[in-house]
Amino acid sequence: AVLVNIFGGIMQCTTIANALVEAYKTVGFNVPLVVRLE
């Protein structure tokens, strides 16, 4: 299982969200992914 924990200070949450979605599709996940954004 994977936990992504991101605080958008310097980096905006929209940027990391788009990166997460694209990376997820590129890599191909086979385990649960939990994401917390603030």
Full PDB file with SEQRES, HELIX, SHEET, SSBOND, CRYST1, ORIGX, SCALE, CONECT and MASTER records, all heavy atoms in Angstrom:
SEQRES   1 A   38  ALA VAL LEU VAL ASN ILE PHE GLY GLY ILE MET GLN CYS          
SEQRES   2 A   38  THR THR ILE ALA ASN ALA LEU VAL GLU ALA TYR LYS THR          
SEQRES   3 A   38  VAL GLY PHE ASN VAL PRO LEU VAL VAL ARG LEU GLU              
HELIX    1 AA1 CYS A   13  VAL A   27  1                                  15    
SHEET    1 AA1 2 VAL A   2  ILE A   6  0                                        
SHEET    2 AA1 2 LEU A  33  LEU A  37  1                                        
CRYST1    1.000    1.000    1.000  90.00  90.00  90.00 P 1           1          
ORIGX1      1.000000  0.000000  0.000000        0.00000                         
ORIGX2      0.000000  1.000000  0.000000        0.00000                         
ORIGX3      0.000000  0.000000  1.000000        0.00000                         
SCALE1      1.000000  0.000000  0.000000        0.00000                         
SCALE2      0.000000  1.000000  0.000000        0.00000                         
SCALE3      0.000000  0.000000  1.000000        0.00000                         
ATOM      1  N   ALA A   1       0.869  -1.186   0.000  1.00  0.00           N  
ATOM      2  CA  ALA A   1       0.000   0.000   0.000  1.00  0.00           C  
ATOM      3  C   ALA A   1       0.901   1.228   0.000  1.00  0.00           C  
ATOM      4  O   ALA A   1       2.045   1.172   0.470  1.00  0.00           O  
ATOM      5  CB  ALA A   1      -0.924   0.014   1.210  1.00  0.00           C  
ATOM      6  N   VAL A   2       0.380   2.333  -0.546  1.00  0.00           N  
ATOM      7  CA  VAL A   2       1.172   3.561  -0.640  1.00  0.00           C  
ATOM      8  C   VAL A   2       0.370   4.733  -0.094  1.00  0.00           C  
ATOM      9  O   VAL A   2      -0.825   4.871  -0.382  1.00  0.00           O  
ATOM     10  CB  VAL A   2       1.586   3.845  -2.100  1.00  0.00           C  
ATOM     11  CG1 VAL A   2       2.244   5.219  -2.221  1.00  0.00           C  
ATOM     12  CG2 VAL A   2       2.525   2.763  -2.615  1.00  0.00           C  
ATOM     13  N   LEU A   3       1.038   5.571   0.705  1.00  0.00           N  
ATOM     14  CA  LEU A   3       0.432   6.796   1.217  1.00  0.00           C  
ATOM     15  C   LEU A   3       1.188   7.992   0.651  1.00  0.00           C  
ATOM     16  O   LEU A   3       2.410   8.108   0.813  1.00  0.00           O  
ATOM     17  CB  LEU A   3       0.494   6.835   2.749  1.00  0.00           C  
ATOM     18  CG  LEU A   3       0.086   8.164   3.408  1.00  0.00           C  
ATOM     19  CD1 LEU A   3      -1.345   8.552   3.023  1.00  0.00           C  
ATOM     20  CD2 LEU A   3       0.231   8.094   4.921  1.00  0.00           C  
ATOM     21  N   VAL A   4       0.444   8.883  -0.023  1.00  0.00           N  
ATOM     22  CA  VAL A   4       0.992  10.150  -0.502  1.00  0.00           C  
ATOM     23  C   VAL A   4       0.479  11.250   0.412  1.00  0.00           C  
ATOM     24  O   VAL A   4      -0.739  11.434   0.544  1.00  0.00           O  
ATOM     25  CB  VAL A   4       0.583  10.421  -1.966  1.00  0.00           C  
ATOM     26  CG1 VAL A   4       1.044  11.818  -2.392  1.00  0.00           C  
ATOM     27  CG2 VAL A   4       1.163   9.359  -2.894  1.00  0.00           C  
ATOM     28  N   ASN A   5       1.394  11.964   1.046  1.00  0.00           N  
ATOM     29  CA  ASN A   5       1.024  13.030   1.975  1.00  0.00           C  
ATOM     30  C   ASN A   5       1.702  14.319   1.521  1.00  0.00           C  
ATOM     31  O   ASN A   5       2.909  14.480   1.670  1.00  0.00           O  
ATOM     32  CB  ASN A   5       1.452  12.654   3.397  1.00  0.00           C  
ATOM     33  CG  ASN A   5       1.012  13.686   4.423  1.00  0.00           C  
ATOM     34  OD1 ASN A   5       0.096  14.468   4.174  1.00  0.00           O  
ATOM     35  ND2 ASN A   5       1.670  13.698   5.566  1.00  0.00           N  
ATOM     36  N   ILE A   6       0.923  15.231   0.952  1.00  0.00           N  
ATOM     37  CA  ILE A   6       1.472  16.448   0.355  1.00  0.00           C  
ATOM     38  C   ILE A   6       0.876  17.693   1.000  1.00  0.00           C  
ATOM     39  O   ILE A   6      -0.347  17.821   1.129  1.00  0.00           O  
ATOM     40  CB  ILE A   6       1.190  16.498  -1.169  1.00  0.00           C  
ATOM     41  CG1 ILE A   6       1.860  15.316  -1.869  1.00  0.00           C  
ATOM     42  CG2 ILE A   6       1.655  17.824  -1.760  1.00  0.00           C  
ATOM     43  CD1 ILE A   6       3.368  15.337  -1.854  1.00  0.00           C  
ATOM     44  N   PHE A   7       1.772  18.613   1.404  1.00  0.00           N  
ATOM     45  CA  PHE A   7       1.333  19.939   1.835  1.00  0.00           C  
ATOM     46  C   PHE A   7       1.744  20.940   0.762  1.00  0.00           C  
ATOM     47  O   PHE A   7       2.933  21.128   0.499  1.00  0.00           O  
ATOM     48  CB  PHE A   7       1.953  20.324   3.177  1.00  0.00           C  
ATOM     49  CG  PHE A   7       1.553  21.706   3.626  1.00  0.00           C  
ATOM     50  CD1 PHE A   7       0.307  21.930   4.183  1.00  0.00           C  
ATOM     51  CD2 PHE A   7       2.405  22.781   3.460  1.00  0.00           C  
ATOM     52  CE1 PHE A   7      -0.079  23.207   4.572  1.00  0.00           C  
ATOM     53  CE2 PHE A   7       2.029  24.062   3.843  1.00  0.00           C  
ATOM     54  CZ  PHE A   7       0.782  24.271   4.408  1.00  0.00           C  
ATOM     55  N   GLY A   8       0.754  21.549   0.147  1.00  0.00           N  
ATOM     56  CA  GLY A   8       1.017  22.489  -0.942  1.00  0.00           C  
ATOM     57  C   GLY A   8       1.376  23.862  -0.429  1.00  0.00           C  
ATOM     58  O   GLY A   8       0.496  24.711  -0.220  1.00  0.00           O  
ATOM     59  N   GLY A   9       2.644  24.101  -0.213  1.00  0.00           N  
ATOM     60  CA  GLY A   9       3.120  25.410   0.186  1.00  0.00           C  
ATOM     61  C   GLY A   9       3.760  26.088  -1.012  1.00  0.00           C  
ATOM     62  O   GLY A   9       3.150  26.891  -1.709  1.00  0.00           O  
ATOM     63  N   ILE A  10       5.012  25.718  -1.286  1.00  0.00           N  
ATOM     64  CA  ILE A  10       5.688  26.200  -2.490  1.00  0.00           C  
ATOM     65  C   ILE A  10       4.983  25.650  -3.728  1.00  0.00           C  
ATOM     66  O   ILE A  10       4.773  26.342  -4.716  1.00  0.00           O  
ATOM     67  CB  ILE A  10       7.171  25.750  -2.483  1.00  0.00           C  
ATOM     68  CG1 ILE A  10       7.892  26.314  -1.254  1.00  0.00           C  
ATOM     69  CG2 ILE A  10       7.868  26.168  -3.766  1.00  0.00           C  
ATOM     70  CD1 ILE A  10       9.295  25.785  -1.072  1.00  0.00           C  
ATOM     71  N   MET A  11       4.602  24.389  -3.640  1.00  0.00           N  
ATOM     72  CA  MET A  11       3.970  23.700  -4.760  1.00  0.00           C  
ATOM     73  C   MET A  11       2.456  23.674  -4.567  1.00  0.00           C  
ATOM     74  O   MET A  11       1.967  23.327  -3.490  1.00  0.00           O  
ATOM     75  CB  MET A  11       4.520  22.268  -4.842  1.00  0.00           C  
ATOM     76  CG  MET A  11       3.979  21.439  -5.964  1.00  0.00           C  
ATOM     77  SD  MET A  11       4.938  19.912  -6.145  1.00  0.00           S  
ATOM     78  CE  MET A  11       5.085  19.353  -4.452  1.00  0.00           C  
ATOM     79  N   GLN A  12       1.707  24.061  -5.580  1.00  0.00           N  
ATOM     80  CA  GLN A  12       0.248  24.080  -5.488  1.00  0.00           C  
ATOM     81  C   GLN A  12      -0.313  22.665  -5.559  1.00  0.00           C  
ATOM     82  O   GLN A  12       0.214  21.799  -6.254  1.00  0.00           O  
ATOM     83  CB  GLN A  12      -0.337  24.927  -6.608  1.00  0.00           C  
ATOM     84  CG  GLN A  12       0.051  26.396  -6.536  1.00  0.00           C  
ATOM     85  CD  GLN A  12      -0.448  27.190  -7.723  1.00  0.00           C  
ATOM     86  OE1 GLN A  12      -0.730  26.623  -8.774  1.00  0.00           O  
ATOM     87  NE2 GLN A  12      -0.562  28.501  -7.565  1.00  0.00           N  
ATOM     88  N   CYS A  13      -1.412  22.433  -4.846  1.00  0.00           N  
ATOM     89  CA  CYS A  13      -2.026  21.111  -4.812  1.00  0.00           C  
ATOM     90  C   CYS A  13      -2.535  20.680  -6.192  1.00  0.00           C  
ATOM     91  O   CYS A  13      -2.574  19.482  -6.494  1.00  0.00           O  
ATOM     92  CB  CYS A  13      -3.185  21.089  -3.812  1.00  0.00           C  
ATOM     93  SG  CYS A  13      -2.635  21.133  -2.079  1.00  0.00           S  
ATOM     94  N   THR A  14      -2.932  21.658  -7.023  1.00  0.00           N  
ATOM     95  CA  THR A  14      -3.376  21.302  -8.377  1.00  0.00           C  
ATOM     96  C   THR A  14      -2.231  20.700  -9.189  1.00  0.00           C  
ATOM     97  O   THR A  14      -2.416  19.748  -9.946  1.00  0.00           O  
ATOM     98  CB  THR A  14      -3.920  22.545  -9.097  1.00  0.00           C  
ATOM     99  OG1 THR A  14      -2.975  23.624  -8.958  1.00  0.00           O  
ATOM    100  CG2 THR A  14      -5.260  22.966  -8.527  1.00  0.00           C  
ATOM    101  N   THR A  15      -1.041  21.251  -8.990  1.00  0.00           N  
ATOM    102  CA  THR A  15       0.133  20.735  -9.701  1.00  0.00           C  
ATOM    103  C   THR A  15       0.429  19.303  -9.292  1.00  0.00           C  
ATOM    104  O   THR A  15       0.645  18.427 -10.141  1.00  0.00           O  
ATOM    105  CB  THR A  15       1.364  21.621  -9.427  1.00  0.00           C  
ATOM    106  OG1 THR A  15       1.087  22.952  -9.834  1.00  0.00           O  
ATOM    107  CG2 THR A  15       2.591  21.099 -10.169  1.00  0.00           C  
ATOM    108  N   ILE A  16       0.442  19.061  -7.978  1.00  0.00           N  
ATOM    109  CA  ILE A  16       0.755  17.715  -7.509  1.00  0.00           C  
ATOM    110  C   ILE A  16      -0.366  16.745  -7.848  1.00  0.00           C  
ATOM    111  O   ILE A  16      -0.122  15.574  -8.149  1.00  0.00           O  
ATOM    112  CB  ILE A  16       1.057  17.712  -5.989  1.00  0.00           C  
ATOM    113  CG1 ILE A  16       1.695  16.371  -5.580  1.00  0.00           C  
ATOM    114  CG2 ILE A  16      -0.183  17.973  -5.176  1.00  0.00           C  
ATOM    115  CD1 ILE A  16       3.026  16.078  -6.180  1.00  0.00           C  
ATOM    116  N   ALA A  17      -1.620  17.207  -7.839  1.00  0.00           N  
ATOM    117  CA  ALA A  17      -2.744  16.323  -8.171  1.00  0.00           C  
ATOM    118  C   ALA A  17      -2.637  15.861  -9.627  1.00  0.00           C  
ATOM    119  O   ALA A  17      -2.827  14.669  -9.930  1.00  0.00           O  
ATOM    120  CB  ALA A  17      -4.065  17.044  -7.939  1.00  0.00           C  
ATOM    121  N   ASN A  18      -2.348  16.781 -10.523  1.00  0.00           N  
ATOM    122  CA  ASN A  18      -2.172  16.405 -11.934  1.00  0.00           C  
ATOM    123  C   ASN A  18      -0.988  15.452 -12.110  1.00  0.00           C  
ATOM    124  O   ASN A  18      -1.061  14.487 -12.883  1.00  0.00           O  
ATOM    125  CB  ASN A  18      -1.944  17.664 -12.785  1.00  0.00           C  
ATOM    126  CG  ASN A  18      -3.240  18.418 -13.054  1.00  0.00           C  
ATOM    127  OD1 ASN A  18      -4.271  17.805 -13.356  1.00  0.00           O  
ATOM    128  ND2 ASN A  18      -3.200  19.741 -12.944  1.00  0.00           N  
ATOM    129  N   ALA A  19       0.082  15.718 -11.375  1.00  0.00           N  
ATOM    130  CA  ALA A  19       1.257  14.847 -11.450  1.00  0.00           C  
ATOM    131  C   ALA A  19       0.940  13.455 -10.921  1.00  0.00           C  
ATOM    132  O   ALA A  19       1.375  12.441 -11.497  1.00  0.00           O  
ATOM    133  CB  ALA A  19       2.414  15.462 -10.658  1.00  0.00           C  
ATOM    134  N   LEU A  20       0.169  13.380  -9.835  1.00  0.00           N  
ATOM    135  CA  LEU A  20      -0.206  12.089  -9.263  1.00  0.00           C  
ATOM    136  C   LEU A  20      -1.040  11.262 -10.233  1.00  0.00           C  
ATOM    137  O   LEU A  20      -0.791  10.069 -10.427  1.00  0.00           O  
ATOM    138  CB  LEU A  20      -0.987  12.294  -7.955  1.00  0.00           C  
ATOM    139  CG  LEU A  20      -0.197  12.714  -6.718  1.00  0.00           C  
ATOM    140  CD1 LEU A  20      -1.150  13.069  -5.588  1.00  0.00           C  
ATOM    141  CD2 LEU A  20       0.743  11.596  -6.282  1.00  0.00           C  
ATOM    142  N   VAL A  21      -2.020  11.904 -10.841  1.00  0.00           N  
ATOM    143  CA  VAL A  21      -2.910  11.196 -11.778  1.00  0.00           C  
ATOM    144  C   VAL A  21      -2.122  10.686 -12.980  1.00  0.00           C  
ATOM    145  O   VAL A  21      -2.254   9.528 -13.389  1.00  0.00           O  
ATOM    146  CB  VAL A  21      -4.059  12.117 -12.227  1.00  0.00           C  
ATOM    147  CG1 VAL A  21      -4.862  11.463 -13.358  1.00  0.00           C  
ATOM    148  CG2 VAL A  21      -4.973  12.438 -11.046  1.00  0.00           C  
ATOM    149  N   GLU A  22      -1.272  11.554 -13.531  1.00  0.00           N  
ATOM    150  CA  GLU A  22      -0.495  11.153 -14.703  1.00  0.00           C  
ATOM    151  C   GLU A  22       0.515  10.055 -14.357  1.00  0.00           C  
ATOM    152  O   GLU A  22       0.689   9.091 -15.115  1.00  0.00           O  
ATOM    153  CB  GLU A  22       0.238  12.368 -15.281  1.00  0.00           C  
ATOM    154  CG  GLU A  22       0.894  12.089 -16.624  1.00  0.00           C  
ATOM    155  CD  GLU A  22       1.467  13.335 -17.276  1.00  0.00           C  
ATOM    156  OE1 GLU A  22       1.002  14.452 -16.946  1.00  0.00           O  
ATOM    157  OE2 GLU A  22       2.389  13.195 -18.102  1.00  0.00           O  
ATOM    158  N   ALA A  23       1.173  10.200 -13.195  1.00  0.00           N  
ATOM    159  CA  ALA A  23       2.154   9.200 -12.773  1.00  0.00           C  
ATOM    160  C   ALA A  23       1.484   7.862 -12.495  1.00  0.00           C  
ATOM    161  O   ALA A  23       2.022   6.799 -12.828  1.00  0.00           O  
ATOM    162  CB  ALA A  23       2.896   9.692 -11.527  1.00  0.00           C  
ATOM    163  N   TYR A  24       0.308   7.914 -11.894  1.00  0.00           N  
ATOM    164  CA  TYR A  24      -0.455   6.687 -11.609  1.00  0.00           C  
ATOM    165  C   TYR A  24      -0.720   5.925 -12.900  1.00  0.00           C  
ATOM    166  O   TYR A  24      -0.533   4.714 -12.982  1.00  0.00           O  
ATOM    167  CB  TYR A  24      -1.771   7.061 -10.920  1.00  0.00           C  
ATOM    168  CG  TYR A  24      -2.618   5.881 -10.470  1.00  0.00           C  
ATOM    169  CD1 TYR A  24      -2.654   5.522  -9.131  1.00  0.00           C  
ATOM    170  CD2 TYR A  24      -3.379   5.139 -11.367  1.00  0.00           C  
ATOM    171  CE1 TYR A  24      -3.433   4.457  -8.699  1.00  0.00           C  
ATOM    172  CE2 TYR A  24      -4.148   4.070 -10.953  1.00  0.00           C  
ATOM    173  CZ  TYR A  24      -4.178   3.737  -9.617  1.00  0.00           C  
ATOM    174  OH  TYR A  24      -4.944   2.675  -9.190  1.00  0.00           O  
ATOM    175  N   LYS A  25      -1.160   6.647 -13.927  1.00  0.00           N  
ATOM    176  CA  LYS A  25      -1.467   6.008 -15.212  1.00  0.00           C  
ATOM    177  C   LYS A  25      -0.200   5.479 -15.890  1.00  0.00           C  
ATOM    178  O   LYS A  25      -0.222   4.419 -16.522  1.00  0.00           O  
ATOM    179  CB  LYS A  25      -2.172   7.010 -16.136  1.00  0.00           C  
ATOM    180  CG  LYS A  25      -3.559   7.423 -15.658  1.00  0.00           C  
ATOM    181  CD  LYS A  25      -4.150   8.470 -16.593  1.00  0.00           C  
ATOM    182  CE  LYS A  25      -5.552   8.880 -16.151  1.00  0.00           C  
ATOM    183  NZ  LYS A  25      -6.131   9.932 -17.024  1.00  0.00           N  
ATOM    184  N   THR A  26       0.897   6.218 -15.744  1.00  0.00           N  
ATOM    185  CA  THR A  26       2.151   5.816 -16.393  1.00  0.00           C  
ATOM    186  C   THR A  26       2.737   4.562 -15.764  1.00  0.00           C  
ATOM    187  O   THR A  26       3.174   3.643 -16.457  1.00  0.00           O  
ATOM    188  CB  THR A  26       3.187   6.955 -16.314  1.00  0.00           C  
ATOM    189  OG1 THR A  26       2.657   8.122 -16.946  1.00  0.00           O  
ATOM    190  CG2 THR A  26       4.494   6.557 -16.996  1.00  0.00           C  
ATOM    191  N   VAL A  27       2.746   4.528 -14.437  1.00  0.00           N  
ATOM    192  CA  VAL A  27       3.393   3.431 -13.718  1.00  0.00           C  
ATOM    193  C   VAL A  27       2.521   2.182 -13.701  1.00  0.00           C  
ATOM    194  O   VAL A  27       2.993   1.066 -13.892  1.00  0.00           O  
ATOM    195  CB  VAL A  27       3.745   3.863 -12.276  1.00  0.00           C  
ATOM    196  CG1 VAL A  27       4.303   2.692 -11.482  1.00  0.00           C  
ATOM    197  CG2 VAL A  27       4.742   5.004 -12.312  1.00  0.00           C  
ATOM    198  N   GLY A  28       1.219   2.371 -13.464  1.00  0.00           N  
ATOM    199  CA  GLY A  28       0.321   1.224 -13.357  1.00  0.00           C  
ATOM    200  C   GLY A  28       0.353   0.650 -11.951  1.00  0.00           C  
ATOM    201  O   GLY A  28       1.198  -0.175 -11.625  1.00  0.00           O  
ATOM    202  N   PHE A  29      -0.558   1.092 -11.112  1.00  0.00           N  
ATOM    203  CA  PHE A  29      -0.572   0.671  -9.710  1.00  0.00           C  
ATOM    204  C   PHE A  29      -1.230  -0.699  -9.553  1.00  0.00           C  
ATOM    205  O   PHE A  29      -2.249  -0.990 -10.170  1.00  0.00           O  
ATOM    206  CB  PHE A  29      -1.343   1.700  -8.871  1.00  0.00           C  
ATOM    207  CG  PHE A  29      -0.445   2.637  -8.123  1.00  0.00           C  
ATOM    208  CD1 PHE A  29       0.275   3.606  -8.797  1.00  0.00           C  
ATOM    209  CD2 PHE A  29      -0.293   2.534  -6.753  1.00  0.00           C  
ATOM    210  CE1 PHE A  29       1.102   4.484  -8.115  1.00  0.00           C  
ATOM    211  CE2 PHE A  29       0.539   3.391  -6.055  1.00  0.00           C  
ATOM    212  CZ  PHE A  29       1.238   4.375  -6.736  1.00  0.00           C  
ATOM    213  N   ASN A  30      -0.644  -1.508  -8.672  1.00  0.00           N  
ATOM    214  CA  ASN A  30      -1.244  -2.794  -8.334  1.00  0.00           C  
ATOM    215  C   ASN A  30      -1.442  -2.940  -6.830  1.00  0.00           C  
ATOM    216  O   ASN A  30      -1.688  -4.032  -6.322  1.00  0.00           O  
ATOM    217  CB  ASN A  30      -0.384  -3.944  -8.857  1.00  0.00           C  
ATOM    218  CG  ASN A  30       1.062  -3.851  -8.382  1.00  0.00           C  
ATOM    219  OD1 ASN A  30       1.400  -2.960  -7.602  1.00  0.00           O  
ATOM    220  ND2 ASN A  30       1.894  -4.766  -8.844  1.00  0.00           N  
ATOM    221  N   VAL A  31      -1.299  -1.813  -6.103  1.00  0.00           N  
ATOM    222  CA  VAL A  31      -1.552  -1.787  -4.658  1.00  0.00           C  
ATOM    223  C   VAL A  31      -2.416  -0.571  -4.354  1.00  0.00           C  
ATOM    224  O   VAL A  31      -2.467   0.387  -5.139  1.00  0.00           O  
ATOM    225  CB  VAL A  31      -0.233  -1.709  -3.848  1.00  0.00           C  
ATOM    226  CG1 VAL A  31       0.653  -2.911  -4.135  1.00  0.00           C  
ATOM    227  CG2 VAL A  31       0.504  -0.411  -4.125  1.00  0.00           C  
ATOM    228  N   PRO A  32      -3.127  -0.561  -3.208  1.00  0.00           N  
ATOM    229  CA  PRO A  32      -3.957   0.596  -2.849  1.00  0.00           C  
ATOM    230  C   PRO A  32      -3.119   1.870  -2.691  1.00  0.00           C  
ATOM    231  O   PRO A  32      -2.006   1.829  -2.163  1.00  0.00           O  
ATOM    232  CB  PRO A  32      -4.578   0.176  -1.515  1.00  0.00           C  
ATOM    233  CG  PRO A  32      -4.499  -1.316  -1.495  1.00  0.00           C  
ATOM    234  CD  PRO A  32      -3.258  -1.671  -2.247  1.00  0.00           C  
ATOM    235  N   LEU A  33      -3.674   3.000  -3.150  1.00  0.00           N  
ATOM    236  CA  LEU A  33      -3.013   4.300  -3.038  1.00  0.00           C  
ATOM    237  C   LEU A  33      -3.915   5.256  -2.284  1.00  0.00           C  
ATOM    238  O   LEU A  33      -5.052   5.512  -2.700  1.00  0.00           O  
ATOM    239  CB  LEU A  33      -2.702   4.870  -4.420  1.00  0.00           C  
ATOM    240  CG  LEU A  33      -2.187   6.316  -4.473  1.00  0.00           C  
ATOM    241  CD1 LEU A  33      -0.857   6.449  -3.729  1.00  0.00           C  
ATOM    242  CD2 LEU A  33      -2.030   6.791  -5.913  1.00  0.00           C  
ATOM    243  N   VAL A  34      -3.413   5.767  -1.158  1.00  0.00           N  
ATOM    244  CA  VAL A  34      -4.138   6.734  -0.336  1.00  0.00           C  
ATOM    245  C   VAL A  34      -3.446   8.085  -0.478  1.00  0.00           C  
ATOM    246  O   VAL A  34      -2.218   8.173  -0.361  1.00  0.00           O  
ATOM    247  CB  VAL A  34      -4.172   6.310   1.150  1.00  0.00           C  
ATOM    248  CG1 VAL A  34      -4.896   7.368   1.995  1.00  0.00           C  
ATOM    249  CG2 VAL A  34      -4.838   4.951   1.302  1.00  0.00           C  
ATOM    250  N   VAL A  35      -4.240   9.148  -0.736  1.00  0.00           N  
ATOM    251  CA  VAL A  35      -3.671  10.478  -0.938  1.00  0.00           C  
ATOM    252  C   VAL A  35      -4.296  11.474   0.029  1.00  0.00           C  
ATOM    253  O   VAL A  35      -5.531  11.548   0.144  1.00  0.00           O  
ATOM    254  CB  VAL A  35      -3.884  10.970  -2.385  1.00  0.00           C  
ATOM    255  CG1 VAL A  35      -3.411  12.409  -2.534  1.00  0.00           C  
ATOM    256  CG2 VAL A  35      -3.147  10.067  -3.363  1.00  0.00           C  
ATOM    257  N   ARG A  36      -3.441  12.233   0.705  1.00  0.00           N  
ATOM    258  CA  ARG A  36      -3.892  13.330   1.558  1.00  0.00           C  
ATOM    259  C   ARG A  36      -3.255  14.619   1.056  1.00  0.00           C  
ATOM    260  O   ARG A  36      -2.033  14.727   0.976  1.00  0.00           O  
ATOM    261  CB  ARG A  36      -3.488  13.065   3.003  1.00  0.00           C  
ATOM    262  CG  ARG A  36      -3.869  14.198   3.980  1.00  0.00           C  
ATOM    263  CD  ARG A  36      -2.658  14.995   4.411  1.00  0.00           C  
ATOM    264  NE  ARG A  36      -2.981  15.976   5.442  1.00  0.00           N  
ATOM    265  CZ  ARG A  36      -2.085  16.686   6.103  1.00  0.00           C  
ATOM    266  NH1 ARG A  36      -0.801  16.523   5.853  1.00  0.00           N  
ATOM    267  NH2 ARG A  36      -2.457  17.579   7.003  1.00  0.00           N  
ATOM    268  N   LEU A  37      -4.077  15.576   0.669  1.00  0.00           N  
ATOM    269  CA  LEU A  37      -3.604  16.878   0.190  1.00  0.00           C  
ATOM    270  C   LEU A  37      -4.058  17.978   1.137  1.00  0.00           C  
ATOM    271  O   LEU A  37      -5.197  17.974   1.616  1.00  0.00           O  
ATOM    272  CB  LEU A  37      -4.162  17.182  -1.210  1.00  0.00           C  
ATOM    273  CG  LEU A  37      -3.694  16.333  -2.393  1.00  0.00           C  
ATOM    274  CD1 LEU A  37      -4.415  16.787  -3.654  1.00  0.00           C  
ATOM    275  CD2 LEU A  37      -2.198  16.425  -2.571  1.00  0.00           C  
ATOM    276  N   GLU A  38      -3.167  18.932   1.402  1.00  0.00           N  
ATOM    277  CA  GLU A  38      -3.502  20.139   2.159  1.00  0.00           C  
ATOM    278  C   GLU A  38      -2.702  21.294   1.575  1.00  0.00           C  
ATOM    279  O   GLU A  38      -1.640  21.087   0.985  1.00  0.00           O  
ATOM    280  CB  GLU A  38      -3.172  19.983   3.649  1.00  0.00           C  
ATOM    281  CG  GLU A  38      -4.012  18.973   4.394  1.00  0.00           C  
ATOM    282  CD  GLU A  38      -5.468  19.381   4.543  1.00  0.00           C  
ATOM    283  OE1 GLU A  38      -5.781  20.565   4.271  1.00  0.00           O  
ATOM    284  OE2 GLU A  38      -6.286  18.531   4.922  1.00  0.00           O  
TER     285      GLU A  38                                                      
MASTER        0    0    0    1    2    0    0    6  284    1    0    3          
END                                                                             
